[in-house]
Amino acid sequence: MKKPFSQACENNKDPILAVLKRIFATARDGGNADNAGAVICPCEVLEIGSGTGQHAVYFAEHLPHITWQPTDQEVNLPGISLWVEEAKLENIKTPVPLDINDDPWPFRDIEAVFTANTLHIMGWEDVEIFYERLGRYLRPGAGFLSYGPFNIHGTYTSESNARFDCWLKTQDPKSAIRDMGALESLGKKADITLLEKVPMPANNFTLIWEKQ
């Protein structure tokens, strides 16, 4: 089997890493005055929807103080495993199957969650379930970082995002770019607060949340 590859992951890995380095700081760096904004100091990060596995390996390599736990649906695990096995990193775990609809999840008392380009793929009912599970399994003070395209006040942030949203709906009518305000409402129900909206290249954002 050939390793799966995503050009999008290749393009966005460094901008995302810059945010992760700031937010997922070490305890020592967390008190640095230059590290403005939200700071969370987890020992382990649970990645939801690891996809090809490229992000998991790259972020584990560049964040050696963090243990990275890749997860995805069963069908994607062999490809992720190829990336993990080739990397031979001590701080990345064996990929674990996880569907956000699982009840219960195989994880408890989660320190931090990262997910990229997943919320617009899920149907809205699945997004609601995802936030409910986060509210249930994140420990108080835990961080949740979600990367991808988002609407603001029901409006696309670019023409390219509008076209992308139309394309998504041709693939699956349940898919759609999610509105930040709608996600904030879900977060409030789950005691998860949106702390920062970090603009990213290609009309994307990284949303930084904290479990209360």
Foldseek 3Di string as FASTA:
>chain_A
DDADDDVVCVVCLVVVLVVCCLACDDPVCVPPPVSDFHHAHDQEEEEECCARLPNQLVNCVVCVSHAYEYEEAPVNQVNNVVSVVVSPRPRYDRYDYDDLPDVPTPAAQHQEYEYEPDQLLDFPVSLLSNLQNCLHGHHAFHKYKYKDAAAEPPHGPDPVLVVVQVVSCVVPVRGGHYHPVVSQVSNVVSQKHFGDWAADPPRMTITMIGRD
